[in-house]
Amino acid sequence: MPSAASRPFAVLVLNQISRCGLDRLPAADFRVGKDIAQPDAILVRSADLHAMDIPPSVQAIGRCGAGTNNIPVPAMSARGVPVFNAPGGNANAVKELVIAGMLMAARNRRRRSASSPGSTRPTRNWSGRSKKARSPSPASSSRARRWA
């Protein structure tokens, strides 16, 4: 971390990164933004750095997520620039998505299995009105009269 006497460490942010995470970089020591011309570091999520001309001032590149396929690692290694990634940073979101999917798949499972082919379970537990309780539509009553 830079000392108070030196200039703040400039961090270029290329994607939308959580404000909660960026707030961990003290404003006195770090200058964070999307419009930094000569950054000391780059934070990226999904932007493709292969097509970008990376300034010589860059000392480190951090990927907010798993993998480094969008970062030219061999070129950065040749320049002595370390590349970091943060796998598992969205593990809670993935866990919540999986549990929500399981709950959605299990919803009304008993009812669905009763109507599946080869099921011996009765289907009378379905909610809603039965055919007998419905009032006949004009089309159905005219058909009934025609066939009677």
Protein backbone atom coordinates (compact mmCIF):
# COMPACT_ATOMS: atom_id res chain seq x y z
CA MET A 1 0.00 0.00 0.00
CA PRO A 2 1.36 3.43 -0.86
CA SER A 3 2.47 5.75 1.89
CA ALA A 4 0.60 8.96 2.69
CA ALA A 5 3.39 11.05 1.09
CA SER A 6 3.23 9.30 -2.31
CA ARG A 7 0.49 9.61 -4.90
CA PRO A 8 -2.58 7.36 -4.56
CA PHE A 9 -2.46 3.97 -6.25
CA ALA A 10 -4.58 4.28 -9.45
CA VAL A 11 -6.97 1.39 -10.12
CA LEU A 12 -8.79 1.13 -13.45
CA VAL A 13 -12.16 -0.64 -13.17
CA LEU A 14 -13.35 -2.03 -16.51
CA ASN A 15 -16.67 -3.61 -15.50
CA GLN A 16 -19.41 -2.99 -12.98
CA ILE A 17 -17.85 -4.13 -9.71
CA SER A 18 -19.73 -4.03 -6.43
CA ARG A 19 -19.42 -0.74 -4.58
CA CYS A 20 -19.14 -2.80 -1.38
CA GLY A 21 -15.91 -4.34 -2.67
CA LEU A 22 -14.48 -1.09 -4.03
CA ASP A 23 -15.17 0.66 -0.71
CA ARG A 24 -12.53 -1.59 0.87
CA LEU A 25 -9.90 0.48 -0.96
CA PRO A 26 -9.40 3.62 1.16
CA ALA A 27 -9.83 6.84 -0.83
CA ALA A 28 -6.69 8.29 0.78
CA ASP A 29 -4.53 5.52 -0.70
CA PHE A 30 -6.39 4.48 -3.86
CA ARG A 31 -7.89 6.34 -6.80
CA VAL A 32 -10.52 4.03 -8.35
CA GLY A 33 -12.42 4.74 -11.56
CA LYS A 34 -13.28 3.88 -15.15
CA ASP A 35 -11.48 6.87 -16.67
CA ILE A 36 -7.90 6.46 -15.39
CA ALA A 37 -5.34 6.93 -18.18
CA GLN A 38 -2.20 5.52 -16.51
CA PRO A 39 -3.44 2.90 -14.01
CA ASP A 40 -1.21 1.05 -11.58
CA ALA A 41 -3.67 -1.86 -11.49
CA ILE A 42 -6.69 -3.10 -13.43
CA LEU A 43 -9.80 -4.72 -11.97
CA VAL A 44 -11.89 -6.66 -14.47
CA ARG A 45 -14.85 -9.07 -14.50
CA SER A 46 -15.64 -10.00 -18.09
CA ALA A 47 -14.02 -7.35 -20.32
CA ASP A 48 -11.62 -8.80 -22.88
CA LEU A 49 -8.12 -7.45 -22.22
CA HIS A 50 -6.70 -9.26 -25.26
CA ALA A 51 -8.02 -6.48 -27.49
CA MET A 52 -6.98 -3.69 -25.11
CA ASP A 53 -3.63 -1.92 -25.20
CA ILE A 54 -2.51 -2.36 -21.59
CA PRO A 55 -0.46 0.65 -20.43
CA PRO A 56 3.14 0.05 -19.25
CA SER A 57 2.24 1.60 -15.88
CA VAL A 58 0.15 -1.47 -14.91
CA GLN A 59 1.74 -3.41 -12.03
CA ALA A 60 -1.06 -5.94 -11.39
CA ILE A 61 -4.31 -7.21 -12.90
CA GLY A 62 -7.13 -8.63 -10.78
CA ARG A 63 -10.05 -10.64 -12.12
CA CYS A 64 -13.20 -10.55 -10.01
CA GLY A 65 -14.27 -14.11 -10.77
CA ALA A 66 -12.89 -17.50 -11.73
CA GLY A 67 -10.45 -18.03 -14.57
CA THR A 68 -8.22 -15.71 -16.55
CA ASN A 69 -9.35 -16.48 -20.12
CA ASN A 70 -10.06 -12.78 -20.80
CA ILE A 71 -6.57 -11.66 -19.71
CA PRO A 72 -3.40 -12.09 -21.80
CA VAL A 73 -1.52 -13.98 -19.08
CA PRO A 74 1.58 -14.93 -21.18
CA ALA A 75 2.09 -11.30 -22.28
CA MET A 76 1.64 -10.04 -18.71
CA SER A 77 4.00 -12.71 -17.35
CA ALA A 78 6.64 -11.62 -19.87
CA ARG A 79 6.26 -8.05 -18.55
CA GLY A 80 6.43 -9.23 -14.92
CA VAL A 81 2.82 -8.22 -14.19
CA PRO A 82 1.07 -10.65 -11.83
CA VAL A 83 -2.48 -11.70 -12.70
CA PHE A 84 -4.86 -12.61 -9.88
CA ASN A 85 -8.32 -14.11 -9.92
CA ALA A 86 -10.93 -14.52 -7.20
CA PRO A 87 -12.80 -17.80 -7.71
CA GLY A 88 -15.71 -18.35 -5.39
CA GLY A 89 -16.43 -14.66 -5.05
CA ASN A 90 -20.03 -15.31 -6.07
CA ALA A 91 -20.38 -18.67 -4.28
CA ASN A 92 -23.31 -17.44 -2.17
CA ALA A 93 -25.22 -16.35 -5.27
CA VAL A 94 -24.60 -19.71 -6.94
CA LYS A 95 -25.71 -21.56 -3.80
CA GLU A 96 -28.92 -19.52 -3.59
CA LEU A 97 -29.66 -20.09 -7.28
CA VAL A 98 -29.21 -23.87 -6.94
CA ILE A 99 -31.45 -24.07 -3.86
CA ALA A 100 -34.12 -21.93 -5.56
CA GLY A 101 -33.99 -24.22 -8.61
CA MET A 102 -34.37 -27.31 -6.42
CA LEU A 103 -37.35 -25.79 -4.61
CA MET A 104 -38.98 -24.83 -7.91
CA ALA A 105 -38.45 -28.34 -9.30
CA ALA A 106 -39.89 -29.97 -6.17
CA ARG A 107 -42.97 -27.73 -6.09
CA ASN A 108 -46.20 -29.72 -6.69
CA ARG A 109 -44.16 -32.84 -7.32
CA ARG A 110 -46.74 -35.16 -5.81
CA ARG A 111 -49.46 -33.77 -8.05
CA ARG A 112 -47.29 -34.05 -11.15
CA SER A 113 -46.29 -37.64 -10.40
CA ALA A 114 -49.97 -38.64 -10.00
CA SER A 115 -50.70 -37.60 -13.57
CA SER A 116 -47.66 -39.31 -15.08
CA PRO A 117 -48.22 -42.36 -17.32
CA GLY A 118 -48.29 -45.65 -15.39
CA SER A 119 -49.06 -43.98 -12.06
CA THR A 120 -51.49 -45.76 -9.74
CA ARG A 121 -51.94 -42.72 -7.53
CA PRO A 122 -55.39 -41.12 -7.82
CA THR A 123 -55.53 -37.65 -9.33
CA ARG A 124 -58.44 -36.38 -7.24
CA ASN A 125 -56.12 -34.16 -5.15
CA TRP A 126 -55.90 -31.64 -7.96
CA SER A 127 -57.02 -28.17 -6.95
CA GLY A 128 -59.72 -26.32 -8.85
CA ARG A 129 -63.23 -27.25 -9.90
CA SER A 130 -64.09 -30.61 -11.40
CA LYS A 131 -65.82 -31.00 -14.77
CA LYS A 132 -69.16 -31.69 -13.04
CA ALA A 133 -69.02 -28.43 -11.08
CA ARG A 134 -68.39 -26.30 -14.16
CA SER A 135 -71.28 -24.72 -15.96
CA PRO A 136 -71.46 -25.85 -19.59
CA SER A 137 -70.47 -23.40 -22.25
CA PRO A 138 -72.89 -22.68 -25.11
CA ALA A 139 -70.61 -24.56 -27.51
CA SER A 140 -70.49 -27.70 -25.38
CA SER A 141 -74.27 -27.73 -24.77
CA SER A 142 -75.00 -27.42 -28.50
CA ARG A 143 -72.67 -30.33 -29.20
CA ALA A 144 -74.39 -32.39 -26.53
CA ARG A 145 -77.80 -31.67 -28.12
CA ARG A 146 -76.51 -32.54 -31.57
CA TRP A 147 -75.25 -35.99 -30.45
CA ALA A 148 -78.22 -36.83 -28.22
